[in-house]
Amino acid sequence: MVLIFIVHVFKTVKMFFSNQEARPVAYARKEYAGPPSRKTFSSATMIFSGLWMLVFVLIHVWQFKYGPEYVNEATGIRDLYRLEMENFANPLLVVFYLLSLAVVGSHVWHGAASACQSVGVSHSTWTPRLLVAGKAAAVVIAGALMVIALWAHFLGGRL
């Protein structure tokens, strides 16, 4: 995962500088180009969403890797369920997670299909399918993780 992350950041920085070199003067006014342009809110905010996700992942790892060390008495292993329930009992943390997961969804919304295009996969039949699959993956991933945070906050530990 760390290697994939490093490659992703490297490719992003390289693409950013290539784009700057290709157009050193900023547009006076940006407007929607219409079809066949696929520019969306998600594509226009990829740098912001990537940076937000970096902060989110650091906070998430810090909470669960370096959070309190509860040990399940029955199994003798770390009790991450208890840690999760305690973390998601805090409504501010739940709101932060929900916002962060919306950002994750936005990033994946554009990134899944864009990744295929970046490696040269472009086909009149398959590209539209890849776009739909990327959007579906974004909704499923972000939505499922949001459900976990909401479940833990509202119902966790009470069932």
Foldseek 3Di string as FASTA:
>chain_A
DVVVVVVVVVVVVVVVVVVCVVPVDDDPDDDDPDPPDPDDPLVVCLVVLVVLLVVVVVVVCCQQVVNDFDADPVPRHGDSLVSLLVQLLDVVSLVSLLVNLVSQLSNQLPPQLVVCVVVPDDDPPCSVVSNVVSNVVSCVRSVVVNVVSVCSNPPNPPD
